[in-house]
PDB file of N, CA and C in Angstrom:
ATOM      1  N   GLN A   1     -11.300  11.927 -14.942  1.00  0.00           N
ATOM      2  CA  GLN A   1      -9.893  11.837 -14.568  1.00  0.00           C
ATOM      3  C   GLN A   1      -9.708  10.635 -13.639  1.00  0.00           C
ATOM      4  N   PHE A   2      -8.723   9.812 -13.938  1.00  0.00           N
ATOM      5  CA  PHE A   2      -8.487   8.593 -13.176  1.00  0.00           C
ATOM      6  C   PHE A   2      -7.333   8.818 -12.206  1.00  0.00           C
ATOM      7  N   GLN A   3      -7.616   8.622 -10.932  1.00  0.00           N
ATOM      8  CA  GLN A   3      -6.607   8.865  -9.912  1.00  0.00           C
ATOM      9  C   GLN A   3      -6.667   7.828  -8.812  1.00  0.00           C
ATOM     10  N   LEU A   4      -5.487   7.504  -8.311  1.00  0.00           N
ATOM     11  CA  LEU A   4      -5.360   6.744  -7.073  1.00  0.00           C
ATOM     12  C   LEU A   4      -4.849   7.697  -6.010  1.00  0.00           C
ATOM     13  N   VAL A   5      -5.412   7.611  -4.835  1.00  0.00           N
ATOM     14  CA  VAL A   5      -5.003   8.513  -3.764  1.00  0.00           C
ATOM     15  C   VAL A   5      -4.700   7.702  -2.521  1.00  0.00           C
ATOM     16  N   GLU A   6      -3.465   7.858  -2.024  1.00  0.00           N
ATOM     17  CA  GLU A   6      -3.073   7.201  -0.784  1.00  0.00           C
ATOM     18  C   GLU A   6      -3.207   8.175   0.379  1.00  0.00           C
ATOM     19  N   SER A   7      -3.406   7.636   1.555  1.00  0.00           N
ATOM     20  CA  SER A   7      -3.432   8.444   2.766  1.00  0.00           C
ATOM     21  C   SER A   7      -3.032   7.565   3.950  1.00  0.00           C
ATOM     22  N   GLY A   8      -2.763   8.205   5.078  1.00  0.00           N
ATOM     23  CA  GLY A   8      -2.481   7.470   6.296  1.00  0.00           C
ATOM     24  C   GLY A   8      -1.029   7.425   6.716  1.00  0.00           C
ATOM     25  N   GLY A   9      -0.148   7.975   5.904  1.00  0.00           N
ATOM     26  CA  GLY A   9       1.252   7.981   6.286  1.00  0.00           C
ATOM     27  C   GLY A   9       1.512   8.956   7.424  1.00  0.00           C
ATOM     28  N   GLY A  10       2.733   8.915   7.946  1.00  0.00           N
ATOM     29  CA  GLY A  10       3.085   9.825   9.025  1.00  0.00           C
ATOM     30  C   GLY A  10       4.329   9.369   9.744  1.00  0.00           C
ATOM     31  N   LEU A  11       4.565   9.996  10.864  1.00  0.00           N
ATOM     32  CA  LEU A  11       5.715   9.680  11.711  1.00  0.00           C
ATOM     33  C   LEU A  11       5.253   8.801  12.864  1.00  0.00           C
ATOM     34  N   VAL A  12       5.938   7.696  13.062  1.00  0.00           N
ATOM     35  CA  VAL A  12       5.573   6.765  14.134  1.00  0.00           C
ATOM     36  C   VAL A  12       6.841   6.222  14.759  1.00  0.00           C
ATOM     37  N   GLN A  13       6.766   5.903  16.032  1.00  0.00           N
ATOM     38  CA  GLN A  13       7.917   5.335  16.719  1.00  0.00           C
ATOM     39  C   GLN A  13       8.078   3.859  16.365  1.00  0.00           C
ATOM     40  N   PRO A  14       9.286   3.340  16.486  1.00  0.00           N
ATOM     41  CA  PRO A  14       9.484   1.897  16.260  1.00  0.00           C
ATOM     42  C   PRO A  14       8.547   1.089  17.145  1.00  0.00           C
ATOM     43  N   GLY A  15       7.976   0.070  16.541  1.00  0.00           N
ATOM     44  CA  GLY A  15       6.994  -0.752  17.242  1.00  0.00           C
ATOM     45  C   GLY A  15       5.569  -0.276  17.075  1.00  0.00           C
ATOM     46  N   GLY A  16       5.397   0.895  16.523  1.00  0.00           N
ATOM     47  CA  GLY A  16       4.072   1.455  16.346  1.00  0.00           C
ATOM     48  C   GLY A  16       3.368   0.927  15.111  1.00  0.00           C
ATOM     49  N   SER A  17       2.176   1.469  14.872  1.00  0.00           N
ATOM     50  CA  SER A  17       1.338   1.014  13.768  1.00  0.00           C
ATOM     51  C   SER A  17       0.825   2.193  12.955  1.00  0.00           C
ATOM     52  N   LEU A  18       0.574   1.919  11.712  1.00  0.00           N
ATOM     53  CA  LEU A  18      -0.097   2.851  10.812  1.00  0.00           C
ATOM     54  C   LEU A  18      -0.988   2.042   9.890  1.00  0.00           C
ATOM     55  N   ARG A  19      -2.052   2.670   9.422  1.00  0.00           N
ATOM     56  CA  ARG A  19      -2.876   2.063   8.390  1.00  0.00           C
ATOM     57  C   ARG A  19      -2.919   2.984   7.186  1.00  0.00           C
ATOM     58  N   LEU A  20      -2.404   2.491   6.096  1.00  0.00           N
ATOM     59  CA  LEU A  20      -2.455   3.230   4.845  1.00  0.00           C
ATOM     60  C   LEU A  20      -3.730   2.864   4.103  1.00  0.00           C
ATOM     61  N   SER A  21      -4.298   3.869   3.438  1.00  0.00           N
ATOM     62  CA  SER A  21      -5.501   3.662   2.641  1.00  0.00           C
ATOM     63  C   SER A  21      -5.241   4.077   1.211  1.00  0.00           C
ATOM     64  N   CYS A  22      -5.944   3.436   0.325  1.00  0.00           N
ATOM     65  CA  CYS A  22      -5.843   3.764  -1.093  1.00  0.00           C
ATOM     66  C   CYS A  22      -7.252   3.744  -1.669  1.00  0.00           C
ATOM     67  N   THR A  23      -7.618   4.817  -2.328  1.00  0.00           N
ATOM     68  CA  THR A  23      -8.905   4.858  -2.980  1.00  0.00           C
ATOM     69  C   THR A  23      -8.730   5.389  -4.395  1.00  0.00           C
ATOM     70  N   ALA A  24      -9.762   5.220  -5.197  1.00  0.00           N
ATOM     71  CA  ALA A  24      -9.683   5.615  -6.599  1.00  0.00           C
ATOM     72  C   ALA A  24     -10.789   6.588  -6.937  1.00  0.00           C
ATOM     73  N   SER A  25     -10.483   7.473  -7.839  1.00  0.00           N
ATOM     74  CA  SER A  25     -11.520   8.317  -8.407  1.00  0.00           C
ATOM     75  C   SER A  25     -11.537   8.094  -9.910  1.00  0.00           C
ATOM     76  N   GLY A  26     -12.736   7.973 -10.448  1.00  0.00           N
ATOM     77  CA  GLY A  26     -12.860   7.783 -11.879  1.00  0.00           C
ATOM     78  C   GLY A  26     -12.895   6.335 -12.327  1.00  0.00           C
ATOM     79  N   PHE A  27     -12.628   5.423 -11.426  1.00  0.00           N
ATOM     80  CA  PHE A  27     -12.724   4.007 -11.776  1.00  0.00           C
ATOM     81  C   PHE A  27     -12.935   3.187 -10.507  1.00  0.00           C
ATOM     82  N   THR A  28     -13.246   1.915 -10.700  1.00  0.00           N
ATOM     83  CA  THR A  28     -13.601   1.035  -9.590  1.00  0.00           C
ATOM     84  C   THR A  28     -12.467   0.080  -9.296  1.00  0.00           C
ATOM     85  N   LEU A  29     -12.022   0.075  -8.065  1.00  0.00           N
ATOM     86  CA  LEU A  29     -10.872  -0.751  -7.697  1.00  0.00           C
ATOM     87  C   LEU A  29     -11.139  -2.243  -7.800  1.00  0.00           C
ATOM     88  N   GLU A  30     -12.394  -2.654  -7.712  1.00  0.00           N
ATOM     89  CA  GLU A  30     -12.667  -4.087  -7.704  1.00  0.00           C
ATOM     90  C   GLU A  30     -12.279  -4.763  -9.013  1.00  0.00           C
ATOM     91  N   ASN A  31     -12.063  -3.986 -10.055  1.00  0.00           N
ATOM     92  CA  ASN A  31     -11.660  -4.548 -11.345  1.00  0.00           C
ATOM     93  C   ASN A  31     -10.152  -4.699 -11.483  1.00  0.00           C
ATOM     94  N   TYR A  32      -9.423  -4.382 -10.396  1.00  0.00           N
ATOM     95  CA  TYR A  32      -7.977  -4.336 -10.468  1.00  0.00           C
ATOM     96  C   TYR A  32      -7.327  -5.146  -9.346  1.00  0.00           C
ATOM     97  N   ALA A  33      -6.219  -5.766  -9.679  1.00  0.00           N
ATOM     98  CA  ALA A  33      -5.331  -6.237  -8.625  1.00  0.00           C
ATOM     99  C   ALA A  33      -4.615  -5.013  -8.058  1.00  0.00           C
ATOM    100  N   ILE A  34      -4.380  -5.028  -6.761  1.00  0.00           N
ATOM    101  CA  ILE A  34      -3.792  -3.875  -6.090  1.00  0.00           C
ATOM    102  C   ILE A  34      -2.467  -4.266  -5.444  1.00  0.00           C
ATOM    103  N   GLY A  35      -1.512  -3.396  -5.599  1.00  0.00           N
ATOM    104  CA  GLY A  35      -0.216  -3.607  -4.959  1.00  0.00           C
ATOM    105  C   GLY A  35       0.216  -2.376  -4.190  1.00  0.00           C
ATOM    106  N   TRP A  36       0.971  -2.607  -3.150  1.00  0.00           N
ATOM    107  CA  TRP A  36       1.647  -1.511  -2.439  1.00  0.00           C
ATOM    108  C   TRP A  36       3.141  -1.664  -2.663  1.00  0.00           C
ATOM    109  N   PHE A  37       3.766  -0.549  -2.986  1.00  0.00           N
ATOM    110  CA  PHE A  37       5.197  -0.497  -3.213  1.00  0.00           C
ATOM    111  C   PHE A  37       5.775   0.568  -2.294  1.00  0.00           C
ATOM    112  N   ARG A  38       7.061   0.514  -2.085  1.00  0.00           N
ATOM    113  CA  ARG A  38       7.703   1.556  -1.295  1.00  0.00           C
ATOM    114  C   ARG A  38       9.077   1.855  -1.876  1.00  0.00           C
ATOM    115  N   GLN A  39       9.494   3.076  -1.628  1.00  0.00           N
ATOM    116  CA  GLN A  39      10.811   3.499  -2.102  1.00  0.00           C
ATOM    117  C   GLN A  39      11.465   4.366  -1.040  1.00  0.00           C
ATOM    118  N   ALA A  40      12.587   3.886  -0.534  1.00  0.00           N
ATOM    119  CA  ALA A  40      13.364   4.640   0.434  1.00  0.00           C
ATOM    120  C   ALA A  40      14.391   5.482  -0.312  1.00  0.00           C
ATOM    121  N   PRO A  41      14.858   6.556   0.298  1.00  0.00           N
ATOM    122  CA  PRO A  41      15.858   7.409  -0.367  1.00  0.00           C
ATOM    123  C   PRO A  41      17.088   6.605  -0.789  1.00  0.00           C
ATOM    124  N   GLY A  42      17.466   6.771  -2.031  1.00  0.00           N
ATOM    125  CA  GLY A  42      18.648   6.093  -2.538  1.00  0.00           C
ATOM    126  C   GLY A  42      18.456   4.635  -2.880  1.00  0.00           C
ATOM    127  N   LYS A  43      17.230   4.152  -2.774  1.00  0.00           N
ATOM    128  CA  LYS A  43      16.963   2.749  -3.065  1.00  0.00           C
ATOM    129  C   LYS A  43      15.925   2.621  -4.172  1.00  0.00           C
ATOM    130  N   GLU A  44      15.892   1.438  -4.766  1.00  0.00           N
ATOM    131  CA  GLU A  44      14.908   1.177  -5.797  1.00  0.00           C
ATOM    132  C   GLU A  44      13.531   0.921  -5.169  1.00  0.00           C
ATOM    133  N   ARG A  45      12.500   1.178  -5.961  1.00  0.00           N
ATOM    134  CA  ARG A  45      11.156   0.880  -5.502  1.00  0.00           C
ATOM    135  C   ARG A  45      10.995  -0.634  -5.380  1.00  0.00           C
ATOM    136  N   GLU A  46      10.393  -1.076  -4.288  1.00  0.00           N
ATOM    137  CA  GLU A  46      10.199  -2.509  -4.091  1.00  0.00           C
ATOM    138  C   GLU A  46       8.727  -2.804  -3.813  1.00  0.00           C
ATOM    139  N   GLY A  47       8.307  -3.966  -4.237  1.00  0.00           N
ATOM    140  CA  GLY A  47       6.953  -4.413  -3.945  1.00  0.00           C
ATOM    141  C   GLY A  47       6.847  -4.856  -2.502  1.00  0.00           C
ATOM    142  N   VAL A  48       5.802  -4.429  -1.827  1.00  0.00           N
ATOM    143  CA  VAL A  48       5.588  -4.765  -0.428  1.00  0.00           C
ATOM    144  C   VAL A  48       4.513  -5.844  -0.289  1.00  0.00           C
ATOM    145  N   SER A  49       3.411  -5.636  -0.985  1.00  0.00           N
ATOM    146  CA  SER A  49       2.295  -6.559  -0.854  1.00  0.00           C
ATOM    147  C   SER A  49       1.370  -6.387  -2.045  1.00  0.00           C
ATOM    148  N   CYS A  50       0.614  -7.442  -2.347  1.00  0.00           N
ATOM    149  CA  CYS A  50      -0.371  -7.340  -3.414  1.00  0.00           C
ATOM    150  C   CYS A  50      -1.565  -8.210  -3.071  1.00  0.00           C
ATOM    151  N   ILE A  51      -2.700  -7.847  -3.664  1.00  0.00           N
ATOM    152  CA  ILE A  51      -3.932  -8.567  -3.399  1.00  0.00           C
ATOM    153  C   ILE A  51      -4.687  -8.724  -4.701  1.00  0.00           C
ATOM    154  N   SER A  52      -5.277  -9.886  -4.886  1.00  0.00           N
ATOM    155  CA  SER A  52      -6.006 -10.150  -6.115  1.00  0.00           C
ATOM    156  C   SER A  52      -7.333  -9.391  -6.134  1.00  0.00           C
ATOM    157  N   ARG A  53      -7.990  -9.402  -7.272  1.00  0.00           N
ATOM    158  CA  ARG A  53      -9.255  -8.670  -7.419  1.00  0.00           C
ATOM    159  C   ARG A  53     -10.290  -9.127  -6.410  1.00  0.00           C
ATOM    160  N   SER A  54     -10.342 -10.408  -6.177  1.00  0.00           N
ATOM    161  CA  SER A  54     -11.370 -10.948  -5.286  1.00  0.00           C
ATOM    162  C   SER A  54     -10.911 -11.009  -3.835  1.00  0.00           C
ATOM    163  N   ALA A  55      -9.680 -10.607  -3.581  1.00  0.00           N
ATOM    164  CA  ALA A  55      -9.065 -10.711  -2.249  1.00  0.00           C
ATOM    165  C   ALA A  55      -8.823 -12.167  -1.863  1.00  0.00           C
ATOM    166  N   GLY A  56      -8.896 -13.066  -2.849  1.00  0.00           N
ATOM    167  CA  GLY A  56      -8.652 -14.465  -2.546  1.00  0.00           C
ATOM    168  C   GLY A  56      -7.181 -14.800  -2.391  1.00  0.00           C
ATOM    169  N   SER A  57      -6.313 -13.902  -2.858  1.00  0.00           N
ATOM    170  CA  SER A  57      -4.882 -14.166  -2.799  1.00  0.00           C
ATOM    171  C   SER A  57      -4.160 -12.907  -2.374  1.00  0.00           C
ATOM    172  N   THR A  58      -3.324 -13.035  -1.363  1.00  0.00           N
ATOM    173  CA  THR A  58      -2.535 -11.910  -0.871  1.00  0.00           C
ATOM    174  C   THR A  58      -1.090 -12.366  -0.694  1.00  0.00           C
ATOM    175  N   LYS A  59      -0.179 -11.515  -1.094  1.00  0.00           N
ATOM    176  CA  LYS A  59       1.236 -11.848  -0.990  1.00  0.00           C
ATOM    177  C   LYS A  59       1.993 -10.718  -0.317  1.00  0.00           C
ATOM    178  N   TYR A  60       3.094 -11.074   0.338  1.00  0.00           N
ATOM    179  CA  TYR A  60       3.910 -10.100   1.046  1.00  0.00           C
ATOM    180  C   TYR A  60       5.390 -10.362   0.791  1.00  0.00           C
ATOM    181  N   VAL A  61       6.149  -9.306   0.762  1.00  0.00           N
ATOM    182  CA  VAL A  61       7.599  -9.471   0.736  1.00  0.00           C
ATOM    183  C   VAL A  61       8.022 -10.012   2.096  1.00  0.00           C
ATOM    184  N   ASP A  62       9.087 -10.791   2.118  1.00  0.00           N
ATOM    185  CA  ASP A  62       9.488 -11.476   3.352  1.00  0.00           C
ATOM    186  C   ASP A  62       9.694 -10.516   4.522  1.00  0.00           C
ATOM    187  N   SER A  63      10.195  -9.331   4.238  1.00  0.00           N
ATOM    188  CA  SER A  63      10.546  -8.406   5.316  1.00  0.00           C
ATOM    189  C   SER A  63       9.344  -7.869   6.083  1.00  0.00           C
ATOM    190  N   VAL A  64       8.129  -8.020   5.530  1.00  0.00           N
ATOM    191  CA  VAL A  64       6.941  -7.498   6.214  1.00  0.00           C
ATOM    192  C   VAL A  64       5.969  -8.598   6.617  1.00  0.00           C
ATOM    193  N   LYS A  65       6.256  -9.822   6.259  1.00  0.00           N
ATOM    194  CA  LYS A  65       5.360 -10.927   6.619  1.00  0.00           C
ATOM    195  C   LYS A  65       5.164 -11.005   8.119  1.00  0.00           C
ATOM    196  N   GLY A  66       3.907 -11.167   8.515  1.00  0.00           N
ATOM    197  CA  GLY A  66       3.575 -11.231   9.929  1.00  0.00           C
ATOM    198  C   GLY A  66       3.382  -9.875  10.576  1.00  0.00           C
ATOM    199  N   ARG A  67       3.745  -8.807   9.869  1.00  0.00           N
ATOM    200  CA  ARG A  67       3.590  -7.456  10.429  1.00  0.00           C
ATOM    201  C   ARG A  67       2.589  -6.609   9.635  1.00  0.00           C
ATOM    202  N   PHE A  68       2.533  -6.805   8.344  1.00  0.00           N
ATOM    203  CA  PHE A  68       1.641  -6.029   7.477  1.00  0.00           C
ATOM    204  C   PHE A  68       0.476  -6.907   7.032  1.00  0.00           C
ATOM    205  N   THR A  69      -0.681  -6.289   6.903  1.00  0.00           N
ATOM    206  CA  THR A  69      -1.858  -6.980   6.399  1.00  0.00           C
ATOM    207  C   THR A  69      -2.536  -6.113   5.353  1.00  0.00           C
ATOM    208  N   LEU A  70      -2.709  -6.687   4.176  1.00  0.00           N
ATOM    209  CA  LEU A  70      -3.361  -5.978   3.073  1.00  0.00           C
ATOM    210  C   LEU A  70      -4.783  -6.491   2.936  1.00  0.00           C
ATOM    211  N   SER A  71      -5.724  -5.573   2.823  1.00  0.00           N
ATOM    212  CA  SER A  71      -7.120  -5.957   2.665  1.00  0.00           C
ATOM    213  C   SER A  71      -7.799  -4.985   1.719  1.00  0.00           C
ATOM    214  N   ARG A  72      -8.956  -5.394   1.253  1.00  0.00           N
ATOM    215  CA  ARG A  72      -9.700  -4.512   0.367  1.00  0.00           C
ATOM    216  C   ARG A  72     -11.177  -4.575   0.706  1.00  0.00           C
ATOM    217  N   ASP A  73     -11.835  -3.455   0.509  1.00  0.00           N
ATOM    218  CA  ASP A  73     -13.282  -3.360   0.680  1.00  0.00           C
ATOM    219  C   ASP A  73     -13.829  -2.818  -0.631  1.00  0.00           C
ATOM    220  N   ASN A  74     -14.208  -3.728  -1.506  1.00  0.00           N
ATOM    221  CA  ASN A  74     -14.649  -3.302  -2.835  1.00  0.00           C
ATOM    222  C   ASN A  74     -15.924  -2.468  -2.772  1.00  0.00           C
ATOM    223  N   ALA A  75     -16.749  -2.715  -1.789  1.00  0.00           N
ATOM    224  CA  ALA A  75     -17.979  -1.928  -1.658  1.00  0.00           C
ATOM    225  C   ALA A  75     -17.676  -0.457  -1.380  1.00  0.00           C
ATOM    226  N   LYS A  76     -16.574  -0.216  -0.679  1.00  0.00           N
ATOM    227  CA  LYS A  76     -16.182   1.163  -0.355  1.00  0.00           C
ATOM    228  C   LYS A  76     -15.130   1.703  -1.322  1.00  0.00           C
ATOM    229  N   ASN A  77     -14.721   0.853  -2.264  1.00  0.00           N
ATOM    230  CA  ASN A  77     -13.691   1.257  -3.224  1.00  0.00           C
ATOM    231  C   ASN A  77     -12.387   1.633  -2.509  1.00  0.00           C
ATOM    232  N   MET A  78     -12.030   0.829  -1.523  1.00  0.00           N
ATOM    233  CA  MET A  78     -10.872   1.123  -0.695  1.00  0.00           C
ATOM    234  C   MET A  78      -9.976  -0.096  -0.563  1.00  0.00           C
ATOM    235  N   VAL A  79      -8.697   0.173  -0.404  1.00  0.00           N
ATOM    236  CA  VAL A  79      -7.718  -0.850  -0.074  1.00  0.00           C
ATOM    237  C   VAL A  79      -6.931  -0.343   1.131  1.00  0.00           C
ATOM    238  N   TYR A  80      -6.616  -1.260   2.050  1.00  0.00           N
ATOM    239  CA  TYR A  80      -5.943  -0.866   3.272  1.00  0.00           C
ATOM    240  C   TYR A  80      -4.663  -1.685   3.468  1.00  0.00           C
ATOM    241  N   LEU A  81      -3.626  -1.024   3.941  1.00  0.00           N
ATOM    242  CA  LEU A  81      -2.414  -1.710   4.343  1.00  0.00           C
ATOM    243  C   LEU A  81      -2.191  -1.420   5.823  1.00  0.00           C
ATOM    244  N   GLN A  82      -2.496  -2.402   6.650  1.00  0.00           N
ATOM    245  CA  GLN A  82      -2.276  -2.275   8.084  1.00  0.00           C
ATOM    246  C   GLN A  82      -0.831  -2.651   8.373  1.00  0.00           C
ATOM    247  N   MET A  83      -0.103  -1.742   8.980  1.00  0.00           N
ATOM    248  CA  MET A  83       1.310  -1.948   9.254  1.00  0.00           C
ATOM    249  C   MET A  83       1.539  -1.912  10.755  1.00  0.00           C
ATOM    250  N   ASN A  84       1.932  -3.040  11.307  1.00  0.00           N
ATOM    251  CA  ASN A  84       2.201  -3.152  12.736  1.00  0.00           C
ATOM    252  C   ASN A  84       3.677  -3.426  12.980  1.00  0.00           C
ATOM    253  N   SER A  85       4.076  -3.250  14.224  1.00  0.00           N
ATOM    254  CA  SER A  85       5.477  -3.512  14.617  1.00  0.00           C
ATOM    255  C   SER A  85       6.447  -2.850  13.653  1.00  0.00           C
ATOM    256  N   LEU A  86       6.199  -1.604  13.366  1.00  0.00           N
ATOM    257  CA  LEU A  86       7.009  -0.894  12.380  1.00  0.00           C
ATOM    258  C   LEU A  86       8.457  -0.750  12.835  1.00  0.00           C
ATOM    259  N   LYS A  87       9.345  -0.810  11.860  1.00  0.00           N
ATOM    260  CA  LYS A  87      10.775  -0.720  12.101  1.00  0.00           C
ATOM    261  C   LYS A  87      11.343   0.483  11.340  1.00  0.00           C
ATOM    262  N   PRO A  88      12.463   1.004  11.769  1.00  0.00           N
ATOM    263  CA  PRO A  88      13.070   2.124  11.035  1.00  0.00           C
ATOM    264  C   PRO A  88      13.293   1.802   9.565  1.00  0.00           C
ATOM    265  N   GLU A  89      13.583   0.557   9.257  1.00  0.00           N
ATOM    266  CA  GLU A  89      13.816   0.182   7.855  1.00  0.00           C
ATOM    267  C   GLU A  89      12.544   0.163   7.026  1.00  0.00           C
ATOM    268  N   ASP A  90      11.395   0.358   7.648  1.00  0.00           N
ATOM    269  CA  ASP A  90      10.145   0.506   6.901  1.00  0.00           C
ATOM    270  C   ASP A  90       9.954   1.932   6.394  1.00  0.00           C
ATOM    271  N   THR A  91      10.815   2.830   6.810  1.00  0.00           N
ATOM    272  CA  THR A  91      10.718   4.220   6.377  1.00  0.00           C
ATOM    273  C   THR A  91      10.861   4.319   4.874  1.00  0.00           C
ATOM    274  N   ALA A  92       9.875   4.925   4.229  1.00  0.00           N
ATOM    275  CA  ALA A  92       9.865   5.035   2.774  1.00  0.00           C
ATOM    276  C   ALA A  92       8.636   5.811   2.334  1.00  0.00           C
ATOM    277  N   GLU A  93       8.624   6.144   1.067  1.00  0.00           N
ATOM    278  CA  GLU A  93       7.406   6.630   0.428  1.00  0.00           C
ATOM    279  C   GLU A  93       6.656   5.399  -0.039  1.00  0.00           C
ATOM    280  N   TYR A  94       5.387   5.315   0.309  1.00  0.00           N
ATOM    281  CA  TYR A  94       4.572   4.159  -0.040  1.00  0.00           C
ATOM    282  C   TYR A  94       3.594   4.531  -1.149  1.00  0.00           C
ATOM    283  N   TYR A  95       3.526   3.653  -2.149  1.00  0.00           N
ATOM    284  CA  TYR A  95       2.707   3.910  -3.323  1.00  0.00           C
ATOM    285  C   TYR A  95       1.698   2.786  -3.530  1.00  0.00           C
ATOM    286  N   CYS A  96       0.512   3.178  -3.910  1.00  0.00           N
ATOM    287  CA  CYS A  96      -0.534   2.233  -4.275  1.00  0.00           C
ATOM    288  C   CYS A  96      -0.540   2.079  -5.798  1.00  0.00           C
ATOM    289  N   ASN A  97      -0.763   0.860  -6.256  1.00  0.00           N
ATOM    290  CA  ASN A  97      -0.810   0.572  -7.688  1.00  0.00           C
ATOM    291  C   ASN A  97      -2.034  -0.264  -7.985  1.00  0.00           C
ATOM    292  N   ALA A  98      -2.753   0.110  -9.024  1.00  0.00           N
ATOM    293  CA  ALA A  98      -3.903  -0.655  -9.495  1.00  0.00           C
ATOM    294  C   ALA A  98      -3.588  -1.160 -10.889  1.00  0.00           C
ATOM    295  N   ASN A  99      -3.709  -2.450 -11.069  1.00  0.00           N
ATOM    296  CA  ASN A  99      -3.232  -3.066 -12.308  1.00  0.00           C
ATOM    297  C   ASN A  99      -4.277  -4.003 -12.892  1.00  0.00           C
ATOM    298  N   SER A 100      -4.504  -3.868 -14.202  1.00  0.00           N
ATOM    299  CA  SER A 100      -5.332  -4.826 -14.914  1.00  0.00           C
ATOM    300  C   SER A 100      -4.617  -5.165 -16.209  1.00  0.00           C
ATOM    301  N   VAL A 101      -5.251  -5.943 -17.041  1.00  0.00           N
ATOM    302  CA  VAL A 101      -4.643  -6.302 -18.323  1.00  0.00           C
ATOM    303  C   VAL A 101      -4.425  -5.058 -19.179  1.00  0.00           C
ATOM    304  N   LEU A 102      -5.367  -4.121 -19.089  1.00  0.00           N
ATOM    305  CA  LEU A 102      -5.323  -2.961 -19.979  1.00  0.00           C
ATOM    306  C   LEU A 102      -4.741  -1.716 -19.336  1.00  0.00           C
ATOM    307  N   TYR A 103      -4.882  -1.581 -18.020  1.00  0.00           N
ATOM    308  CA  TYR A 103      -4.534  -0.318 -17.385  1.00  0.00           C
ATOM    309  C   TYR A 103      -3.639  -0.521 -16.171  1.00  0.00           C
ATOM    310  N   ASN A 104      -2.887   0.519 -15.870  1.00  0.00           N
ATOM    311  CA  ASN A 104      -1.982   0.503 -14.721  1.00  0.00           C
ATOM    312  C   ASN A 104      -1.940   1.914 -14.141  1.00  0.00           C
ATOM    313  N   TYR A 105      -2.347   2.051 -12.881  1.00  0.00           N
ATOM    314  CA  TYR A 105      -2.402   3.364 -12.253  1.00  0.00           C
ATOM    315  C   TYR A 105      -1.526   3.392 -11.006  1.00  0.00           C
ATOM    316  N   TRP A 106      -0.926   4.544 -10.785  1.00  0.00           N
ATOM    317  CA  TRP A 106      -0.115   4.769  -9.575  1.00  0.00           C
ATOM    318  C   TRP A 106      -0.663   5.966  -8.808  1.00  0.00           C
ATOM    319  N   GLY A 107      -0.583   5.886  -7.497  1.00  0.00           N
ATOM    320  CA  GLY A 107      -0.883   7.039  -6.674  1.00  0.00           C
ATOM    321  C   GLY A 107       0.340   7.917  -6.524  1.00  0.00           C
ATOM    322  N   GLN A 108       0.151   9.032  -5.803  1.00  0.00           N
ATOM    323  CA  GLN A 108       1.232  10.007  -5.664  1.00  0.00           C
ATOM    324  C   GLN A 108       2.159   9.674  -4.505  1.00  0.00           C
ATOM    325  N   GLY A 109       1.759   8.735  -3.668  1.00  0.00           N
ATOM    326  CA  GLY A 109       2.601   8.303  -2.570  1.00  0.00           C
ATOM    327  C   GLY A 109       2.240   8.956  -1.248  1.00  0.00           C
ATOM    328  N   THR A 110       2.557   8.253  -0.177  1.00  0.00           N
ATOM    329  CA  THR A 110       2.392   8.785   1.173  1.00  0.00           C
ATOM    330  C   THR A 110       3.630   8.388   1.985  1.00  0.00           C
ATOM    331  N   GLN A 111       4.161   9.339   2.716  1.00  0.00           N
ATOM    332  CA  GLN A 111       5.426   9.121   3.417  1.00  0.00           C
ATOM    333  C   GLN A 111       5.191   8.434   4.766  1.00  0.00           C
ATOM    334  N   VAL A 112       5.964   7.404   5.003  1.00  0.00           N
ATOM    335  CA  VAL A 112       5.981   6.721   6.293  1.00  0.00           C
ATOM    336  C   VAL A 112       7.377   6.860   6.873  1.00  0.00           C
ATOM    337  N   THR A 113       7.455   7.415   8.069  1.00  0.00           N
ATOM    338  CA  THR A 113       8.735   7.579   8.744  1.00  0.00           C
ATOM    339  C   THR A 113       8.656   6.913  10.104  1.00  0.00           C
ATOM    340  N   VAL A 114       9.558   5.972  10.332  1.00  0.00           N
ATOM    341  CA  VAL A 114       9.600   5.251  11.600  1.00  0.00           C
ATOM    342  C   VAL A 114      10.871   5.671  12.319  1.00  0.00           C
ATOM    343  N   SER A 115      10.697   6.409  13.395  1.00  0.00           N
ATOM    344  CA  SER A 115      11.845   6.974  14.088  1.00  0.00           C
ATOM    345  C   SER A 115      11.470   7.305  15.524  1.00  0.00           C
ATOM    346  N   SER A 116      12.449   7.171  16.408  1.00  0.00           N
ATOM    347  CA  SER A 116      12.235   7.555  17.794  1.00  0.00           C
ATOM    348  C   SER A 116      12.695   8.998  18.020  1.00  0.00           C
TER     349      SER A 116
END
């Protein structure tokens, strides 16, 4: 069974930090480009960040540049999204995506709520 599993979400105050993790069961993440997406209530899902298979290329949506850092540890089969200086507008369900030419996997999501 092929699964992506996210973890690390929660409730944090504005200005705080969270680190989201994404791991896979049944397949190896190093063969996939990885993306993080988020969806707030009443809004469309948007891409937040993505990283190439080799981690040689990382991209961010403008709204998180300088605050979020995406990294991967292929040896541990893990991908991390470090989120700093969180804002209320970062509140959303965050999803991990693993994508290759042949396959595309989504996790079940982890909720991030930024509120005082």
